[in-house]
Amino acid sequence: MLSSNKLEELVFQFLAGTFHQDFESPEEALEELLREESKDYLEAAIAFLTDFIQSEYSDIEKNEYIQSFADGLYFPALGLEPLQWLYEVIEQIKEAVKTK
């Protein structure tokens, strides 16, 4: 598992706070995030999630980290690896920021 530092803490808070087991669907959870969070937060999320994707950790470590803390998601049903899914989430956040 990844070591504890500021970047991982931000990613943990994003994943655990948004994609937990109490939502209807991942799409609904993301829509709620995009609707309720400020443009500043969403821009910060793009930055720290991109930093996480580009970090020196292996893809295996990143996938395990995402899967551990986005515990409301079942990645095989999505047909995506956790890292691929997170990249798509970043792209959706970027699109939402354009209209805020």
PDB file of N, CA and C in Angstrom:
ATOM      1  N   MET A   1       0.855  -1.185   0.000  1.00  0.00           N
ATOM      2  CA  MET A   1       0.000   0.000   0.000  1.00  0.00           C
ATOM      3  C   MET A   1       0.891   1.235   0.000  1.00  0.00           C
ATOM      4  N   LEU A   2       0.346   2.309  -0.483  1.00  0.00           N
ATOM      5  CA  LEU A   2       1.095   3.556  -0.594  1.00  0.00           C
ATOM      6  C   LEU A   2       1.388   4.122   0.787  1.00  0.00           C
ATOM      7  N   SER A   3       2.478   4.868   0.867  1.00  0.00           N
ATOM      8  CA  SER A   3       2.814   5.519   2.123  1.00  0.00           C
ATOM      9  C   SER A   3       1.867   6.690   2.349  1.00  0.00           C
ATOM     10  N   SER A   4       1.783   7.104   3.575  1.00  0.00           N
ATOM     11  CA  SER A   4       0.867   8.190   3.908  1.00  0.00           C
ATOM     12  C   SER A   4       1.539   9.536   3.676  1.00  0.00           C
ATOM     13  N   ASN A   5       0.999  10.339   2.806  1.00  0.00           N
ATOM     14  CA  ASN A   5       1.462  11.705   2.625  1.00  0.00           C
ATOM     15  C   ASN A   5       0.287  12.565   2.174  1.00  0.00           C
ATOM     16  N   LYS A   6       0.536  13.819   1.963  1.00  0.00           N
ATOM     17  CA  LYS A   6      -0.529  14.780   1.647  1.00  0.00           C
ATOM     18  C   LYS A   6      -1.310  14.388   0.392  1.00  0.00           C
ATOM     19  N   LEU A   7      -0.601  13.990  -0.672  1.00  0.00           N
ATOM     20  CA  LEU A   7      -1.267  13.618  -1.919  1.00  0.00           C
ATOM     21  C   LEU A   7      -2.212  12.447  -1.699  1.00  0.00           C
ATOM     22  N   GLU A   8      -1.724  11.395  -1.054  1.00  0.00           N
ATOM     23  CA  GLU A   8      -2.573  10.229  -0.828  1.00  0.00           C
ATOM     24  C   GLU A   8      -3.745  10.559   0.081  1.00  0.00           C
ATOM     25  N   GLU A   9      -3.544  11.473   1.032  1.00  0.00           N
ATOM     26  CA  GLU A   9      -4.641  11.871   1.916  1.00  0.00           C
ATOM     27  C   GLU A   9      -5.740  12.582   1.124  1.00  0.00           C
ATOM     28  N   LEU A  10      -5.360  13.461   0.202  1.00  0.00           N
ATOM     29  CA  LEU A  10      -6.345  14.149  -0.625  1.00  0.00           C
ATOM     30  C   LEU A  10      -7.103  13.161  -1.511  1.00  0.00           C
ATOM     31  N   VAL A  11      -6.394  12.215  -2.093  1.00  0.00           N
ATOM     32  CA  VAL A  11      -7.031  11.210  -2.949  1.00  0.00           C
ATOM     33  C   VAL A  11      -7.954  10.332  -2.109  1.00  0.00           C
ATOM     34  N   PHE A  12      -7.486   9.924  -0.935  1.00  0.00           N
ATOM     35  CA  PHE A  12      -8.313   9.130  -0.034  1.00  0.00           C
ATOM     36  C   PHE A  12      -9.615   9.863   0.293  1.00  0.00           C
ATOM     37  N   GLN A  13      -9.518  11.137   0.697  1.00  0.00           N
ATOM     38  CA  GLN A  13     -10.713  11.903   1.058  1.00  0.00           C
ATOM     39  C   GLN A  13     -11.666  12.022  -0.122  1.00  0.00           C
ATOM     40  N   PHE A  14     -11.127  12.238  -1.317  1.00  0.00           N
ATOM     41  CA  PHE A  14     -11.954  12.337  -2.512  1.00  0.00           C
ATOM     42  C   PHE A  14     -12.688  11.023  -2.780  1.00  0.00           C
ATOM     43  N   LEU A  15     -11.946   9.923  -2.784  1.00  0.00           N
ATOM     44  CA  LEU A  15     -12.544   8.618  -3.107  1.00  0.00           C
ATOM     45  C   LEU A  15     -13.523   8.159  -2.031  1.00  0.00           C
ATOM     46  N   ALA A  16     -13.084   8.172  -0.789  1.00  0.00           N
ATOM     47  CA  ALA A  16     -13.923   7.674   0.297  1.00  0.00           C
ATOM     48  C   ALA A  16     -15.128   8.582   0.544  1.00  0.00           C
ATOM     49  N   GLY A  17     -14.956   9.872   0.327  1.00  0.00           N
ATOM     50  CA  GLY A  17     -16.037  10.812   0.554  1.00  0.00           C
ATOM     51  C   GLY A  17     -17.065  10.858  -0.562  1.00  0.00           C
ATOM     52  N   THR A  18     -16.669  10.443  -1.753  1.00  0.00           N
ATOM     53  CA  THR A  18     -17.564  10.529  -2.906  1.00  0.00           C
ATOM     54  C   THR A  18     -18.102   9.167  -3.327  1.00  0.00           C
ATOM     55  N   PHE A  19     -17.249   8.182  -3.400  1.00  0.00           N
ATOM     56  CA  PHE A  19     -17.617   6.884  -3.968  1.00  0.00           C
ATOM     57  C   PHE A  19     -17.675   5.807  -2.887  1.00  0.00           C
ATOM     58  N   HIS A  20     -18.523   6.035  -1.918  1.00  0.00           N
ATOM     59  CA  HIS A  20     -18.715   5.093  -0.821  1.00  0.00           C
ATOM     60  C   HIS A  20     -19.932   4.214  -1.105  1.00  0.00           C
ATOM     61  N   GLN A  21     -20.262   3.351  -0.193  1.00  0.00           N
ATOM     62  CA  GLN A  21     -21.317   2.365  -0.435  1.00  0.00           C
ATOM     63  C   GLN A  21     -22.736   2.915  -0.329  1.00  0.00           C
ATOM     64  N   ASP A  22     -22.897   4.159   0.061  1.00  0.00           N
ATOM     65  CA  ASP A  22     -24.237   4.707   0.287  1.00  0.00           C
ATOM     66  C   ASP A  22     -24.841   5.436  -0.907  1.00  0.00           C
ATOM     67  N   PHE A  23     -24.313   5.269  -2.095  1.00  0.00           N
ATOM     68  CA  PHE A  23     -24.896   5.948  -3.240  1.00  0.00           C
ATOM     69  C   PHE A  23     -25.538   4.943  -4.181  1.00  0.00           C
ATOM     70  N   GLU A  24     -26.443   5.448  -5.000  1.00  0.00           N
ATOM     71  CA  GLU A  24     -27.172   4.584  -5.937  1.00  0.00           C
ATOM     72  C   GLU A  24     -26.283   4.039  -7.044  1.00  0.00           C
ATOM     73  N   SER A  25     -25.464   4.910  -7.624  1.00  0.00           N
ATOM     74  CA  SER A  25     -24.586   4.504  -8.727  1.00  0.00           C
ATOM     75  C   SER A  25     -23.375   5.414  -8.748  1.00  0.00           C
ATOM     76  N   PRO A  26     -22.287   4.974  -9.356  1.00  0.00           N
ATOM     77  CA  PRO A  26     -21.105   5.839  -9.460  1.00  0.00           C
ATOM     78  C   PRO A  26     -21.412   7.121 -10.226  1.00  0.00           C
ATOM     79  N   GLU A  27     -22.263   7.021 -11.223  1.00  0.00           N
ATOM     80  CA  GLU A  27     -22.628   8.191 -12.012  1.00  0.00           C
ATOM     81  C   GLU A  27     -23.363   9.214 -11.147  1.00  0.00           C
ATOM     82  N   GLU A  28     -24.274   8.714 -10.324  1.00  0.00           N
ATOM     83  CA  GLU A  28     -25.018   9.592  -9.431  1.00  0.00           C
ATOM     84  C   GLU A  28     -24.085  10.270  -8.424  1.00  0.00           C
ATOM     85  N   ALA A  29     -23.150   9.525  -7.878  1.00  0.00           N
ATOM     86  CA  ALA A  29     -22.201  10.089  -6.915  1.00  0.00           C
ATOM     87  C   ALA A  29     -21.359  11.181  -7.575  1.00  0.00           C
ATOM     88  N   LEU A  30     -20.903  10.942  -8.785  1.00  0.00           N
ATOM     89  CA  LEU A  30     -20.104  11.942  -9.490  1.00  0.00           C
ATOM     90  C   LEU A  30     -20.951  13.165  -9.835  1.00  0.00           C
ATOM     91  N   GLU A  31     -22.171  12.952 -10.286  1.00  0.00           N
ATOM     92  CA  GLU A  31     -23.059  14.077 -10.596  1.00  0.00           C
ATOM     93  C   GLU A  31     -23.289  14.948  -9.368  1.00  0.00           C
ATOM     94  N   GLU A  32     -23.491  14.319  -8.229  1.00  0.00           N
ATOM     95  CA  GLU A  32     -23.689  15.067  -6.989  1.00  0.00           C
ATOM     96  C   GLU A  32     -22.446  15.881  -6.651  1.00  0.00           C
ATOM     97  N   LEU A  33     -21.287  15.276  -6.769  1.00  0.00           N
ATOM     98  CA  LEU A  33     -20.026  15.981  -6.514  1.00  0.00           C
ATOM     99  C   LEU A  33     -19.907  17.197  -7.430  1.00  0.00           C
ATOM    100  N   LEU A  34     -20.152  17.010  -8.710  1.00  0.00           N
ATOM    101  CA  LEU A  34     -20.010  18.085  -9.685  1.00  0.00           C
ATOM    102  C   LEU A  34     -21.015  19.207  -9.437  1.00  0.00           C
ATOM    103  N   ARG A  35     -22.177  18.845  -8.965  1.00  0.00           N
ATOM    104  CA  ARG A  35     -23.239  19.814  -8.706  1.00  0.00           C
ATOM    105  C   ARG A  35     -22.970  20.599  -7.414  1.00  0.00           C
ATOM    106  N   GLU A  36     -22.485  19.925  -6.384  1.00  0.00           N
ATOM    107  CA  GLU A  36     -22.404  20.539  -5.060  1.00  0.00           C
ATOM    108  C   GLU A  36     -21.071  21.198  -4.738  1.00  0.00           C
ATOM    109  N   GLU A  37     -20.000  20.757  -5.352  1.00  0.00           N
ATOM    110  CA  GLU A  37     -18.689  21.316  -5.013  1.00  0.00           C
ATOM    111  C   GLU A  37     -18.404  22.578  -5.813  1.00  0.00           C
ATOM    112  N   SER A  38     -17.573  23.423  -5.235  1.00  0.00           N
ATOM    113  CA  SER A  38     -17.205  24.677  -5.887  1.00  0.00           C
ATOM    114  C   SER A  38     -16.238  24.427  -7.048  1.00  0.00           C
ATOM    115  N   LYS A  39     -16.167  25.405  -7.914  1.00  0.00           N
ATOM    116  CA  LYS A  39     -15.225  25.338  -9.028  1.00  0.00           C
ATOM    117  C   LYS A  39     -13.798  25.222  -8.493  1.00  0.00           C
ATOM    118  N   ASP A  40     -13.483  25.949  -7.431  1.00  0.00           N
ATOM    119  CA  ASP A  40     -12.141  25.891  -6.844  1.00  0.00           C
ATOM    120  C   ASP A  40     -11.795  24.482  -6.372  1.00  0.00           C
ATOM    121  N   TYR A  41     -12.739  23.835  -5.688  1.00  0.00           N
ATOM    122  CA  TYR A  41     -12.477  22.465  -5.229  1.00  0.00           C
ATOM    123  C   TYR A  41     -12.287  21.524  -6.420  1.00  0.00           C
ATOM    124  N   LEU A  42     -13.136  21.649  -7.415  1.00  0.00           N
ATOM    125  CA  LEU A  42     -13.031  20.763  -8.574  1.00  0.00           C
ATOM    126  C   LEU A  42     -11.702  20.963  -9.300  1.00  0.00           C
ATOM    127  N   GLU A  43     -11.251  22.200  -9.406  1.00  0.00           N
ATOM    128  CA  GLU A  43      -9.939  22.457 -10.022  1.00  0.00           C
ATOM    129  C   GLU A  43      -8.816  21.854  -9.187  1.00  0.00           C
ATOM    130  N   ALA A  44      -8.941  21.962  -7.869  1.00  0.00           N
ATOM    131  CA  ALA A  44      -7.943  21.343  -6.987  1.00  0.00           C
ATOM    132  C   ALA A  44      -7.971  19.823  -7.134  1.00  0.00           C
ATOM    133  N   ALA A  45      -9.170  19.255  -7.244  1.00  0.00           N
ATOM    134  CA  ALA A  45      -9.297  17.801  -7.414  1.00  0.00           C
ATOM    135  C   ALA A  45      -8.632  17.347  -8.708  1.00  0.00           C
ATOM    136  N   ILE A  46      -8.828  18.101  -9.771  1.00  0.00           N
ATOM    137  CA  ILE A  46      -8.158  17.762 -11.037  1.00  0.00           C
ATOM    138  C   ILE A  46      -6.649  17.710 -10.817  1.00  0.00           C
ATOM    139  N   ALA A  47      -6.117  18.703 -10.109  1.00  0.00           N
ATOM    140  CA  ALA A  47      -4.670  18.774  -9.875  1.00  0.00           C
ATOM    141  C   ALA A  47      -4.172  17.600  -9.035  1.00  0.00           C
ATOM    142  N   PHE A  48      -4.806  17.339  -7.885  1.00  0.00           N
ATOM    143  CA  PHE A  48      -4.264  16.277  -7.035  1.00  0.00           C
ATOM    144  C   PHE A  48      -4.529  14.886  -7.594  1.00  0.00           C
ATOM    145  N   LEU A  49      -5.629  14.698  -8.313  1.00  0.00           N
ATOM    146  CA  LEU A  49      -5.874  13.390  -8.932  1.00  0.00           C
ATOM    147  C   LEU A  49      -4.902  13.151 -10.090  1.00  0.00           C
ATOM    148  N   THR A  50      -4.614  14.194 -10.853  1.00  0.00           N
ATOM    149  CA  THR A  50      -3.634  14.071 -11.935  1.00  0.00           C
ATOM    150  C   THR A  50      -2.247  13.800 -11.365  1.00  0.00           C
ATOM    151  N   ASP A  51      -1.888  14.498 -10.295  1.00  0.00           N
ATOM    152  CA  ASP A  51      -0.602  14.237  -9.636  1.00  0.00           C
ATOM    153  C   ASP A  51      -0.517  12.789  -9.175  1.00  0.00           C
ATOM    154  N   PHE A  52      -1.611  12.283  -8.639  1.00  0.00           N
ATOM    155  CA  PHE A  52      -1.643  10.884  -8.194  1.00  0.00           C
ATOM    156  C   PHE A  52      -1.414   9.936  -9.373  1.00  0.00           C
ATOM    157  N   ILE A  53      -2.119  10.162 -10.463  1.00  0.00           N
ATOM    158  CA  ILE A  53      -1.970   9.304 -11.646  1.00  0.00           C
ATOM    159  C   ILE A  53      -0.537   9.342 -12.168  1.00  0.00           C
ATOM    160  N   GLN A  54       0.087  10.508 -12.107  1.00  0.00           N
ATOM    161  CA  GLN A  54       1.438  10.671 -12.639  1.00  0.00           C
ATOM    162  C   GLN A  54       2.528  10.367 -11.616  1.00  0.00           C
ATOM    163  N   SER A  55       2.153   9.973 -10.420  1.00  0.00           N
ATOM    164  CA  SER A  55       3.137   9.712  -9.356  1.00  0.00           C
ATOM    165  C   SER A  55       3.997   8.494  -9.686  1.00  0.00           C
ATOM    166  N   GLU A  56       5.043   8.343  -8.920  1.00  0.00           N
ATOM    167  CA  GLU A  56       6.016   7.279  -9.162  1.00  0.00           C
ATOM    168  C   GLU A  56       5.542   5.897  -8.717  1.00  0.00           C
ATOM    169  N   TYR A  57       4.414   5.825  -8.058  1.00  0.00           N
ATOM    170  CA  TYR A  57       3.904   4.521  -7.639  1.00  0.00           C
ATOM    171  C   TYR A  57       3.571   3.679  -8.865  1.00  0.00           C
ATOM    172  N   SER A  58       3.647   2.385  -8.708  1.00  0.00           N
ATOM    173  CA  SER A  58       3.325   1.493  -9.825  1.00  0.00           C
ATOM    174  C   SER A  58       1.821   1.532 -10.093  1.00  0.00           C
ATOM    175  N   ASP A  59       1.435   1.148 -11.303  1.00  0.00           N
ATOM    176  CA  ASP A  59       0.012   1.086 -11.632  1.00  0.00           C
ATOM    177  C   ASP A  59      -0.710   0.104 -10.721  1.00  0.00           C
ATOM    178  N   ILE A  60      -0.049  -0.964 -10.340  1.00  0.00           N
ATOM    179  CA  ILE A  60      -0.655  -1.940  -9.426  1.00  0.00           C
ATOM    180  C   ILE A  60      -0.964  -1.272  -8.089  1.00  0.00           C
ATOM    181  N   GLU A  61       0.002  -0.509  -7.556  1.00  0.00           N
ATOM    182  CA  GLU A  61      -0.225   0.175  -6.278  1.00  0.00           C
ATOM    183  C   GLU A  61      -1.358   1.197  -6.396  1.00  0.00           C
ATOM    184  N   LYS A  62      -1.376   1.938  -7.481  1.00  0.00           N
ATOM    185  CA  LYS A  62      -2.432   2.935  -7.685  1.00  0.00           C
ATOM    186  C   LYS A  62      -3.790   2.257  -7.799  1.00  0.00           C
ATOM    187  N   ASN A  63      -3.868   1.171  -8.577  1.00  0.00           N
ATOM    188  CA  ASN A  63      -5.136   0.443  -8.712  1.00  0.00           C
ATOM    189  C   ASN A  63      -5.628  -0.069  -7.366  1.00  0.00           C
ATOM    190  N   GLU A  64      -4.723  -0.626  -6.573  1.00  0.00           N
ATOM    191  CA  GLU A  64      -5.097  -1.148  -5.261  1.00  0.00           C
ATOM    192  C   GLU A  64      -5.582  -0.030  -4.345  1.00  0.00           C
ATOM    193  N   TYR A  65      -4.908   1.094  -4.401  1.00  0.00           N
ATOM    194  CA  TYR A  65      -5.285   2.242  -3.564  1.00  0.00           C
ATOM    195  C   TYR A  65      -6.682   2.730  -3.932  1.00  0.00           C
ATOM    196  N   ILE A  66      -6.920   2.920  -5.211  1.00  0.00           N
ATOM    197  CA  ILE A  66      -8.231   3.394  -5.666  1.00  0.00           C
ATOM    198  C   ILE A  66      -9.314   2.398  -5.270  1.00  0.00           C
ATOM    199  N   GLN A  67      -9.061   1.131  -5.522  1.00  0.00           N
ATOM    200  CA  GLN A  67     -10.052   0.096  -5.219  1.00  0.00           C
ATOM    201  C   GLN A  67     -10.342   0.024  -3.722  1.00  0.00           C
ATOM    202  N   SER A  68      -9.330   0.231  -2.904  1.00  0.00           N
ATOM    203  CA  SER A  68      -9.512   0.167  -1.452  1.00  0.00           C
ATOM    204  C   SER A  68     -10.426   1.258  -0.932  1.00  0.00           C
ATOM    205  N   PHE A  69     -10.306   2.456  -1.497  1.00  0.00           N
ATOM    206  CA  PHE A  69     -11.007   3.588  -0.915  1.00  0.00           C
ATOM    207  C   PHE A  69     -12.242   4.026  -1.679  1.00  0.00           C
ATOM    208  N   ALA A  70     -12.418   3.561  -2.888  1.00  0.00           N
ATOM    209  CA  ALA A  70     -13.679   3.775  -3.604  1.00  0.00           C
ATOM    210  C   ALA A  70     -14.482   2.495  -3.409  1.00  0.00           C
ATOM    211  N   ASP A  71     -14.804   2.217  -2.146  1.00  0.00           N
ATOM    212  CA  ASP A  71     -15.350   0.910  -1.793  1.00  0.00           C
ATOM    213  C   ASP A  71     -16.778   0.683  -2.262  1.00  0.00           C
ATOM    214  N   GLY A  72     -17.402   1.710  -2.789  1.00  0.00           N
ATOM    215  CA  GLY A  72     -18.739   1.537  -3.327  1.00  0.00           C
ATOM    216  C   GLY A  72     -18.741   1.141  -4.800  1.00  0.00           C
ATOM    217  N   LEU A  73     -17.567   1.004  -5.377  1.00  0.00           N
ATOM    218  CA  LEU A  73     -17.459   0.660  -6.798  1.00  0.00           C
ATOM    219  C   LEU A  73     -17.021  -0.784  -6.979  1.00  0.00           C
ATOM    220  N   TYR A  74     -17.605  -1.432  -7.952  1.00  0.00           N
ATOM    221  CA  TYR A  74     -17.205  -2.785  -8.324  1.00  0.00           C
ATOM    222  C   TYR A  74     -16.640  -2.680  -9.733  1.00  0.00           C
ATOM    223  N   PHE A  75     -15.324  -2.572  -9.818  1.00  0.00           N
ATOM    224  CA  PHE A  75     -14.660  -2.278 -11.088  1.00  0.00           C
ATOM    225  C   PHE A  75     -14.886  -3.309 -12.186  1.00  0.00           C
ATOM    226  N   PRO A  76     -14.941  -4.613 -11.872  1.00  0.00           N
ATOM    227  CA  PRO A  76     -15.232  -5.564 -12.967  1.00  0.00           C
ATOM    228  C   PRO A  76     -16.564  -5.271 -13.666  1.00  0.00           C
ATOM    229  N   ALA A  77     -17.560  -4.808 -12.914  1.00  0.00           N
ATOM    230  CA  ALA A  77     -18.851  -4.486 -13.521  1.00  0.00           C
ATOM    231  C   ALA A  77     -18.753  -3.244 -14.408  1.00  0.00           C
ATOM    232  N   LEU A  78     -17.827  -2.358 -14.075  1.00  0.00           N
ATOM    233  CA  LEU A  78     -17.626  -1.155 -14.886  1.00  0.00           C
ATOM    234  C   LEU A  78     -16.830  -1.455 -16.150  1.00  0.00           C
ATOM    235  N   GLY A  79     -16.119  -2.587 -16.144  1.00  0.00           N
ATOM    236  CA  GLY A  79     -15.293  -2.956 -17.291  1.00  0.00           C
ATOM    237  C   GLY A  79     -14.035  -2.118 -17.400  1.00  0.00           C
ATOM    238  N   LEU A  80     -13.600  -1.556 -16.282  1.00  0.00           N
ATOM    239  CA  LEU A  80     -12.418  -0.696 -16.269  1.00  0.00           C
ATOM    240  C   LEU A  80     -11.510  -1.059 -15.100  1.00  0.00           C
ATOM    241  N   GLU A  81     -10.221  -0.831 -15.301  1.00  0.00           N
ATOM    242  CA  GLU A  81      -9.284  -0.888 -14.184  1.00  0.00           C
ATOM    243  C   GLU A  81      -9.517   0.388 -13.363  1.00  0.00           C
ATOM    244  N   PRO A  82      -9.259   0.360 -12.068  1.00  0.00           N
ATOM    245  CA  PRO A  82      -9.468   1.552 -11.248  1.00  0.00           C
ATOM    246  C   PRO A  82      -8.751   2.803 -11.781  1.00  0.00           C
ATOM    247  N   LEU A  83      -7.537   2.640 -12.264  1.00  0.00           N
ATOM    248  CA  LEU A  83      -6.783   3.782 -12.780  1.00  0.00           C
ATOM    249  C   LEU A  83      -7.430   4.353 -14.041  1.00  0.00           C
ATOM    250  N   GLN A  84      -7.936   3.496 -14.899  1.00  0.00           N
ATOM    251  CA  GLN A  84      -8.656   3.966 -16.092  1.00  0.00           C
ATOM    252  C   GLN A  84      -9.913   4.723 -15.686  1.00  0.00           C
ATOM    253  N   TRP A  85     -10.624   4.182 -14.726  1.00  0.00           N
ATOM    254  CA  TRP A  85     -11.833   4.822 -14.233  1.00  0.00           C
ATOM    255  C   TRP A  85     -11.524   6.211 -13.681  1.00  0.00           C
ATOM    256  N   LEU A  86     -10.438   6.321 -12.885  1.00  0.00           N
ATOM    257  CA  LEU A  86     -10.083   7.609 -12.298  1.00  0.00           C
ATOM    258  C   LEU A  86      -9.719   8.617 -13.382  1.00  0.00           C
ATOM    259  N   TYR A  87      -9.052   8.182 -14.408  1.00  0.00           N
ATOM    260  CA  TYR A  87      -8.733   9.074 -15.523  1.00  0.00           C
ATOM    261  C   TYR A  87     -10.029   9.608 -16.145  1.00  0.00           C
ATOM    262  N   GLU A  88     -11.011   8.754 -16.331  1.00  0.00           N
ATOM    263  CA  GLU A  88     -12.302   9.186 -16.886  1.00  0.00           C
ATOM    264  C   GLU A  88     -13.014  10.167 -15.957  1.00  0.00           C
ATOM    265  N   VAL A  89     -12.913   9.935 -14.655  1.00  0.00           N
ATOM    266  CA  VAL A  89     -13.505  10.859 -13.683  1.00  0.00           C
ATOM    267  C   VAL A  89     -12.863  12.241 -13.820  1.00  0.00           C
ATOM    268  N   ILE A  90     -11.547  12.286 -13.938  1.00  0.00           N
ATOM    269  CA  ILE A  90     -10.840  13.559 -14.105  1.00  0.00           C
ATOM    270  C   ILE A  90     -11.346  14.283 -15.353  1.00  0.00           C
ATOM    271  N   GLU A  91     -11.518  13.558 -16.436  1.00  0.00           N
ATOM    272  CA  GLU A  91     -12.007  14.172 -17.674  1.00  0.00           C
ATOM    273  C   GLU A  91     -13.410  14.750 -17.486  1.00  0.00           C
ATOM    274  N   GLN A  92     -14.262  14.042 -16.744  1.00  0.00           N
ATOM    275  CA  GLN A  92     -15.619  14.537 -16.487  1.00  0.00           C
ATOM    276  C   GLN A  92     -15.592  15.777 -15.597  1.00  0.00           C
ATOM    277  N   ILE A  93     -14.686  15.799 -14.633  1.00  0.00           N
ATOM    278  CA  ILE A  93     -14.553  16.979 -13.776  1.00  0.00           C
ATOM    279  C   ILE A  93     -14.084  18.170 -14.622  1.00  0.00           C
ATOM    280  N   LYS A  94     -13.133  17.939 -15.511  1.00  0.00           N
ATOM    281  CA  LYS A  94     -12.644  19.022 -16.381  1.00  0.00           C
ATOM    282  C   LYS A  94     -13.779  19.610 -17.198  1.00  0.00           C
ATOM    283  N   GLU A  95     -14.646  18.760 -17.721  1.00  0.00           N
ATOM    284  CA  GLU A  95     -15.792  19.238 -18.506  1.00  0.00           C
ATOM    285  C   GLU A  95     -16.742  20.062 -17.635  1.00  0.00           C
ATOM    286  N   ALA A  96     -16.979  19.612 -16.415  1.00  0.00           N
ATOM    287  CA  ALA A  96     -17.889  20.319 -15.510  1.00  0.00           C
ATOM    288  C   ALA A  96     -17.326  21.684 -15.120  1.00  0.00           C
ATOM    289  N   VAL A  97     -16.016  21.777 -14.933  1.00  0.00           N
ATOM    290  CA  VAL A  97     -15.390  23.036 -14.552  1.00  0.00           C
ATOM    291  C   VAL A  97     -15.600  24.099 -15.635  1.00  0.00           C
ATOM    292  N   LYS A  98     -15.629  23.676 -16.879  1.00  0.00           N
ATOM    293  CA  LYS A  98     -15.822  24.612 -17.994  1.00  0.00           C
ATOM    294  C   LYS A  98     -17.161  25.342 -17.902  1.00  0.00           C
ATOM    295  N   THR A  99     -18.163  24.715 -17.300  1.00  0.00           N
ATOM    296  CA  THR A  99     -19.501  25.308 -17.242  1.00  0.00           C
ATOM    297  C   THR A  99     -19.851  25.932 -15.895  1.00  0.00           C
ATOM    298  N   LYS A 100     -18.953  25.860 -14.931  1.00  0.00           N
ATOM    299  CA  LYS A 100     -19.231  26.441 -13.590  1.00  0.00           C
ATOM    300  C   LYS A 100     -18.933  27.923 -13.586  1.00  0.00           C
TER     301      LYS A 100
END
